[in-house]
Amino acid sequence: MKKFTMGATLTVSAWTVVEAETEEEALKIAEARDVGAMSSNAIYPDDSESWHFENDGLPQNIKLET
């Protein structure tokens, strides 16, 4: 049986916890944060260290990668 690697587009939301005095300061801090990998909970267990993902939809635009 042949194996195919398929790629797709998936929409996600991201969130991070920021401690700041003002909304403007919080925005600057959030903009400077890195995007964690999809397994970010294992790599970045603390809510305040990175962006975390929540899946919002189903795979679309599915295509053959290899």
PDB file of N, CA and C in Angstrom:
ATOM      1  N   MET A   1       0.841  -1.173   0.000  1.00  0.00           N
ATOM      2  CA  MET A   1       0.000   0.000   0.000  1.00  0.00           C
ATOM      3  C   MET A   1       0.892   1.245   0.000  1.00  0.00           C
ATOM      4  N   LYS A   2       0.591   2.227  -0.831  1.00  0.00           N
ATOM      5  CA  LYS A   2       1.350   3.471  -0.901  1.00  0.00           C
ATOM      6  C   LYS A   2       1.000   4.388   0.267  1.00  0.00           C
ATOM      7  N   LYS A   3       1.981   5.224   0.657  1.00  0.00           N
ATOM      8  CA  LYS A   3       1.739   6.239   1.687  1.00  0.00           C
ATOM      9  C   LYS A   3       1.829   7.615   1.045  1.00  0.00           C
ATOM     10  N   PHE A   4       0.917   8.485   1.406  1.00  0.00           N
ATOM     11  CA  PHE A   4       0.886   9.840   0.881  1.00  0.00           C
ATOM     12  C   PHE A   4       0.901  10.820   2.046  1.00  0.00           C
ATOM     13  N   THR A   5       1.715  11.857   1.953  1.00  0.00           N
ATOM     14  CA  THR A   5       1.687  12.934   2.938  1.00  0.00           C
ATOM     15  C   THR A   5       0.805  14.028   2.373  1.00  0.00           C
ATOM     16  N   MET A   6      -0.244  14.350   3.085  1.00  0.00           N
ATOM     17  CA  MET A   6      -1.198  15.341   2.628  1.00  0.00           C
ATOM     18  C   MET A   6      -1.054  16.600   3.475  1.00  0.00           C
ATOM     19  N   GLY A   7      -1.139  17.764   2.854  1.00  0.00           N
ATOM     20  CA  GLY A   7      -1.112  19.037   3.563  1.00  0.00           C
ATOM     21  C   GLY A   7      -2.481  19.682   3.506  1.00  0.00           C
ATOM     22  N   ALA A   8      -2.760  20.576   4.429  1.00  0.00           N
ATOM     23  CA  ALA A   8      -4.054  21.252   4.463  1.00  0.00           C
ATOM     24  C   ALA A   8      -3.906  22.578   5.193  1.00  0.00           C
ATOM     25  N   THR A   9      -4.898  23.429   5.037  1.00  0.00           N
ATOM     26  CA  THR A   9      -4.978  24.691   5.756  1.00  0.00           C
ATOM     27  C   THR A   9      -5.938  24.505   6.918  1.00  0.00           C
ATOM     28  N   LEU A  10      -5.546  24.968   8.101  1.00  0.00           N
ATOM     29  CA  LEU A  10      -6.391  24.853   9.276  1.00  0.00           C
ATOM     30  C   LEU A  10      -6.403  26.201   9.991  1.00  0.00           C
ATOM     31  N   THR A  11      -7.581  26.726  10.244  1.00  0.00           N
ATOM     32  CA  THR A  11      -7.704  27.991  10.954  1.00  0.00           C
ATOM     33  C   THR A  11      -7.656  27.736  12.451  1.00  0.00           C
ATOM     34  N   VAL A  12      -6.864  28.532  13.155  1.00  0.00           N
ATOM     35  CA  VAL A  12      -6.755  28.409  14.608  1.00  0.00           C
ATOM     36  C   VAL A  12      -6.852  29.786  15.253  1.00  0.00           C
ATOM     37  N   SER A  13      -7.197  29.793  16.514  1.00  0.00           N
ATOM     38  CA  SER A  13      -7.122  31.004  17.327  1.00  0.00           C
ATOM     39  C   SER A  13      -5.927  30.860  18.248  1.00  0.00           C
ATOM     40  N   ALA A  14      -5.384  31.970  18.680  1.00  0.00           N
ATOM     41  CA  ALA A  14      -4.252  31.945  19.599  1.00  0.00           C
ATOM     42  C   ALA A  14      -4.554  32.832  20.792  1.00  0.00           C
ATOM     43  N   TRP A  15      -3.978  32.482  21.941  1.00  0.00           N
ATOM     44  CA  TRP A  15      -4.160  33.299  23.133  1.00  0.00           C
ATOM     45  C   TRP A  15      -2.888  33.257  23.969  1.00  0.00           C
ATOM     46  N   THR A  16      -2.684  34.272  24.771  1.00  0.00           N
ATOM     47  CA  THR A  16      -1.576  34.337  25.706  1.00  0.00           C
ATOM     48  C   THR A  16      -2.018  35.172  26.897  1.00  0.00           C
ATOM     49  N   VAL A  17      -1.434  34.932  28.051  1.00  0.00           N
ATOM     50  CA  VAL A  17      -1.754  35.685  29.262  1.00  0.00           C
ATOM     51  C   VAL A  17      -0.673  36.733  29.475  1.00  0.00           C
ATOM     52  N   VAL A  18      -1.076  37.995  29.627  1.00  0.00           N
ATOM     53  CA  VAL A  18      -0.130  39.099  29.781  1.00  0.00           C
ATOM     54  C   VAL A  18      -0.445  39.856  31.070  1.00  0.00           C
ATOM     55  N   GLU A  19       0.592  40.139  31.853  1.00  0.00           N
ATOM     56  CA  GLU A  19       0.439  41.013  33.016  1.00  0.00           C
ATOM     57  C   GLU A  19       0.995  42.381  32.640  1.00  0.00           C
ATOM     58  N   ALA A  20       0.165  43.427  32.781  1.00  0.00           N
ATOM     59  CA  ALA A  20       0.578  44.772  32.408  1.00  0.00           C
ATOM     60  C   ALA A  20      -0.288  45.783  33.152  1.00  0.00           C
ATOM     61  N   GLU A  21       0.173  47.019  33.189  1.00  0.00           N
ATOM     62  CA  GLU A  21      -0.574  48.103  33.832  1.00  0.00           C
ATOM     63  C   GLU A  21      -1.682  48.644  32.934  1.00  0.00           C
ATOM     64  N   THR A  22      -1.442  48.638  31.614  1.00  0.00           N
ATOM     65  CA  THR A  22      -2.418  49.193  30.671  1.00  0.00           C
ATOM     66  C   THR A  22      -2.612  48.234  29.502  1.00  0.00           C
ATOM     67  N   GLU A  23      -3.703  48.456  28.771  1.00  0.00           N
ATOM     68  CA  GLU A  23      -3.959  47.656  27.571  1.00  0.00           C
ATOM     69  C   GLU A  23      -2.870  47.886  26.532  1.00  0.00           C
ATOM     70  N   GLU A  24      -2.397  49.108  26.402  1.00  0.00           N
ATOM     71  CA  GLU A  24      -1.341  49.424  25.429  1.00  0.00           C
ATOM     72  C   GLU A  24      -0.059  48.661  25.756  1.00  0.00           C
ATOM     73  N   GLU A  25       0.296  48.625  27.033  1.00  0.00           N
ATOM     74  CA  GLU A  25       1.485  47.889  27.467  1.00  0.00           C
ATOM     75  C   GLU A  25       1.288  46.384  27.212  1.00  0.00           C
ATOM     76  N   ALA A  26       0.098  45.888  27.489  1.00  0.00           N
ATOM     77  CA  ALA A  26      -0.200  44.470  27.254  1.00  0.00           C
ATOM     78  C   ALA A  26      -0.075  44.131  25.777  1.00  0.00           C
ATOM     79  N   LEU A  27      -0.537  45.008  24.898  1.00  0.00           N
ATOM     80  CA  LEU A  27      -0.441  44.783  23.461  1.00  0.00           C
ATOM     81  C   LEU A  27       1.014  44.704  23.020  1.00  0.00           C
ATOM     82  N   LYS A  28       1.863  45.590  23.513  1.00  0.00           N
ATOM     83  CA  LYS A  28       3.290  45.570  23.157  1.00  0.00           C
ATOM     84  C   LYS A  28       3.950  44.278  23.613  1.00  0.00           C
ATOM     85  N   ILE A  29       3.618  43.830  24.813  1.00  0.00           N
ATOM     86  CA  ILE A  29       4.190  42.585  25.325  1.00  0.00           C
ATOM     87  C   ILE A  29       3.728  41.407  24.470  1.00  0.00           C
ATOM     88  N   ALA A  30       2.439  41.345  24.170  1.00  0.00           N
ATOM     89  CA  ALA A  30       1.890  40.245  23.371  1.00  0.00           C
ATOM     90  C   ALA A  30       2.501  40.217  21.971  1.00  0.00           C
ATOM     91  N   GLU A  31       2.670  41.386  21.361  1.00  0.00           N
ATOM     92  CA  GLU A  31       3.239  41.444  20.009  1.00  0.00           C
ATOM     93  C   GLU A  31       4.676  40.938  19.978  1.00  0.00           C
ATOM     94  N   ALA A  32       5.384  41.010  21.087  1.00  0.00           N
ATOM     95  CA  ALA A  32       6.786  40.590  21.143  1.00  0.00           C
ATOM     96  C   ALA A  32       6.945  39.094  21.425  1.00  0.00           C
ATOM     97  N   ARG A  33       5.877  38.412  21.749  1.00  0.00           N
ATOM     98  CA  ARG A  33       5.959  36.994  22.104  1.00  0.00           C
ATOM     99  C   ARG A  33       6.084  36.104  20.876  1.00  0.00           C
ATOM    100  N   ASP A  34       6.800  34.990  21.068  1.00  0.00           N
ATOM    101  CA  ASP A  34       6.942  33.989  20.018  1.00  0.00           C
ATOM    102  C   ASP A  34       5.687  33.140  19.921  1.00  0.00           C
ATOM    103  N   VAL A  35       5.499  32.539  18.766  1.00  0.00           N
ATOM    104  CA  VAL A  35       4.415  31.588  18.563  1.00  0.00           C
ATOM    105  C   VAL A  35       4.957  30.211  18.906  1.00  0.00           C
ATOM    106  N   GLY A  36       4.321  29.520  19.843  1.00  0.00           N
ATOM    107  CA  GLY A  36       4.747  28.182  20.236  1.00  0.00           C
ATOM    108  C   GLY A  36       4.337  27.157  19.193  1.00  0.00           C
ATOM    109  N   ALA A  37       4.925  26.000  19.266  1.00  0.00           N
ATOM    110  CA  ALA A  37       4.552  24.896  18.381  1.00  0.00           C
ATOM    111  C   ALA A  37       3.180  24.374  18.777  1.00  0.00           C
ATOM    112  N   MET A  38       2.570  23.567  17.927  1.00  0.00           N
ATOM    113  CA  MET A  38       1.261  23.015  18.242  1.00  0.00           C
ATOM    114  C   MET A  38       1.292  22.199  19.528  1.00  0.00           C
ATOM    115  N   SER A  39       2.431  21.685  19.908  1.00  0.00           N
ATOM    116  CA  SER A  39       2.553  20.960  21.171  1.00  0.00           C
ATOM    117  C   SER A  39       3.051  21.901  22.265  1.00  0.00           C
ATOM    118  N   SER A  40       2.638  23.153  22.191  1.00  0.00           N
ATOM    119  CA  SER A  40       3.165  24.182  23.082  1.00  0.00           C
ATOM    120  C   SER A  40       2.901  23.897  24.551  1.00  0.00           C
ATOM    121  N   ASN A  41       1.853  23.162  24.890  1.00  0.00           N
ATOM    122  CA  ASN A  41       1.600  22.878  26.295  1.00  0.00           C
ATOM    123  C   ASN A  41       2.710  22.024  26.894  1.00  0.00           C
ATOM    124  N   ALA A  42       3.335  21.176  26.096  1.00  0.00           N
ATOM    125  CA  ALA A  42       4.439  20.365  26.592  1.00  0.00           C
ATOM    126  C   ALA A  42       5.733  21.179  26.641  1.00  0.00           C
ATOM    127  N   ILE A  43       5.916  22.052  25.662  1.00  0.00           N
ATOM    128  CA  ILE A  43       7.138  22.847  25.580  1.00  0.00           C
ATOM    129  C   ILE A  43       7.058  24.075  26.491  1.00  0.00           C
ATOM    130  N   TYR A  44       5.916  24.724  26.513  1.00  0.00           N
ATOM    131  CA  TYR A  44       5.706  25.935  27.289  1.00  0.00           C
ATOM    132  C   TYR A  44       4.520  25.725  28.234  1.00  0.00           C
ATOM    133  N   PRO A  45       4.734  25.042  29.364  1.00  0.00           N
ATOM    134  CA  PRO A  45       3.595  24.738  30.238  1.00  0.00           C
ATOM    135  C   PRO A  45       2.986  25.968  30.912  1.00  0.00           C
ATOM    136  N   ASP A  46       3.736  27.053  31.032  1.00  0.00           N
ATOM    137  CA  ASP A  46       3.252  28.259  31.691  1.00  0.00           C
ATOM    138  C   ASP A  46       2.474  29.112  30.690  1.00  0.00           C
ATOM    139  N   ASP A  47       1.257  29.511  31.060  1.00  0.00           N
ATOM    140  CA  ASP A  47       0.412  30.321  30.169  1.00  0.00           C
ATOM    141  C   ASP A  47       1.079  31.604  29.714  1.00  0.00           C
ATOM    142  N   SER A  48       2.004  32.136  30.490  1.00  0.00           N
ATOM    143  CA  SER A  48       2.549  33.458  30.202  1.00  0.00           C
ATOM    144  C   SER A  48       3.828  33.437  29.372  1.00  0.00           C
ATOM    145  N   GLU A  49       4.238  32.285  28.862  1.00  0.00           N
ATOM    146  CA  GLU A  49       5.499  32.214  28.134  1.00  0.00           C
ATOM    147  C   GLU A  49       5.361  32.294  26.620  1.00  0.00           C
ATOM    148  N   SER A  50       4.208  31.978  26.082  1.00  0.00           N
ATOM    149  CA  SER A  50       4.072  31.951  24.624  1.00  0.00           C
ATOM    150  C   SER A  50       2.603  32.021  24.241  1.00  0.00           C
ATOM    151  N   TRP A  51       2.357  32.041  22.939  1.00  0.00           N
ATOM    152  CA  TRP A  51       0.992  31.925  22.411  1.00  0.00           C
ATOM    153  C   TRP A  51       0.611  30.454  22.422  1.00  0.00           C
ATOM    154  N   HIS A  52      -0.641  30.156  22.684  1.00  0.00           N
ATOM    155  CA  HIS A  52      -1.158  28.790  22.661  1.00  0.00           C
ATOM    156  C   HIS A  52      -2.292  28.720  21.641  1.00  0.00           C
ATOM    157  N   PHE A  53      -2.543  27.541  21.088  1.00  0.00           N
ATOM    158  CA  PHE A  53      -3.494  27.393  19.998  1.00  0.00           C
ATOM    159  C   PHE A  53      -4.756  26.652  20.406  1.00  0.00           C
ATOM    160  N   GLU A  54      -5.842  27.013  19.752  1.00  0.00           N
ATOM    161  CA  GLU A  54      -7.096  26.272  19.838  1.00  0.00           C
ATOM    162  C   GLU A  54      -7.603  26.102  18.409  1.00  0.00           C
ATOM    163  N   ASN A  55      -7.880  24.868  18.018  1.00  0.00           N
ATOM    164  CA  ASN A  55      -8.384  24.620  16.664  1.00  0.00           C
ATOM    165  C   ASN A  55      -9.774  25.204  16.511  1.00  0.00           C
ATOM    166  N   ASP A  56      -9.997  25.919  15.415  1.00  0.00           N
ATOM    167  CA  ASP A  56     -11.279  26.553  15.142  1.00  0.00           C
ATOM    168  C   ASP A  56     -12.047  25.908  13.999  1.00  0.00           C
ATOM    169  N   GLY A  57     -11.423  25.020  13.275  1.00  0.00           N
ATOM    170  CA  GLY A  57     -12.122  24.504  12.107  1.00  0.00           C
ATOM    171  C   GLY A  57     -11.580  23.169  11.656  1.00  0.00           C
ATOM    172  N   LEU A  58     -11.999  22.781  10.485  1.00  0.00           N
ATOM    173  CA  LEU A  58     -11.595  21.521   9.878  1.00  0.00           C
ATOM    174  C   LEU A  58     -10.580  21.778   8.775  1.00  0.00           C
ATOM    175  N   PRO A  59      -9.715  20.818   8.475  1.00  0.00           N
ATOM    176  CA  PRO A  59      -8.746  20.993   7.396  1.00  0.00           C
ATOM    177  C   PRO A  59      -9.433  21.333   6.070  1.00  0.00           C
ATOM    178  N   GLN A  60      -8.851  22.277   5.349  1.00  0.00           N
ATOM    179  CA  GLN A  60      -9.350  22.698   4.035  1.00  0.00           C
ATOM    180  C   GLN A  60      -8.195  22.746   3.063  1.00  0.00           C
ATOM    181  N   ASN A  61      -8.482  22.910   1.805  1.00  0.00           N
ATOM    182  CA  ASN A  61      -7.456  23.008   0.760  1.00  0.00           C
ATOM    183  C   ASN A  61      -6.468  21.841   0.849  1.00  0.00           C
ATOM    184  N   ILE A  62      -6.976  20.653   1.014  1.00  0.00           N
ATOM    185  CA  ILE A  62      -6.123  19.465   1.175  1.00  0.00           C
ATOM    186  C   ILE A  62      -5.433  19.165  -0.149  1.00  0.00           C
ATOM    187  N   LYS A  63      -4.112  18.922  -0.061  1.00  0.00           N
ATOM    188  CA  LYS A  63      -3.334  18.657  -1.266  1.00  0.00           C
ATOM    189  C   LYS A  63      -2.221  17.676  -0.959  1.00  0.00           C
ATOM    190  N   LEU A  64      -1.701  17.051  -1.976  1.00  0.00           N
ATOM    191  CA  LEU A  64      -0.590  16.111  -1.854  1.00  0.00           C
ATOM    192  C   LEU A  64       0.699  16.869  -1.629  1.00  0.00           C
ATOM    193  N   GLU A  65       1.454  16.514  -0.557  1.00  0.00           N
ATOM    194  CA  GLU A  65       2.746  17.132  -0.278  1.00  0.00           C
ATOM    195  C   GLU A  65       3.892  16.271  -0.844  1.00  0.00           C
ATOM    196  N   THR A  66       3.858  14.978  -0.545  1.00  0.00           N
ATOM    197  CA  THR A  66       4.881  14.066  -1.069  1.00  0.00           C
ATOM    198  C   THR A  66       4.255  12.737  -1.409  1.00  0.00           C
TER     199      THR A  66
END
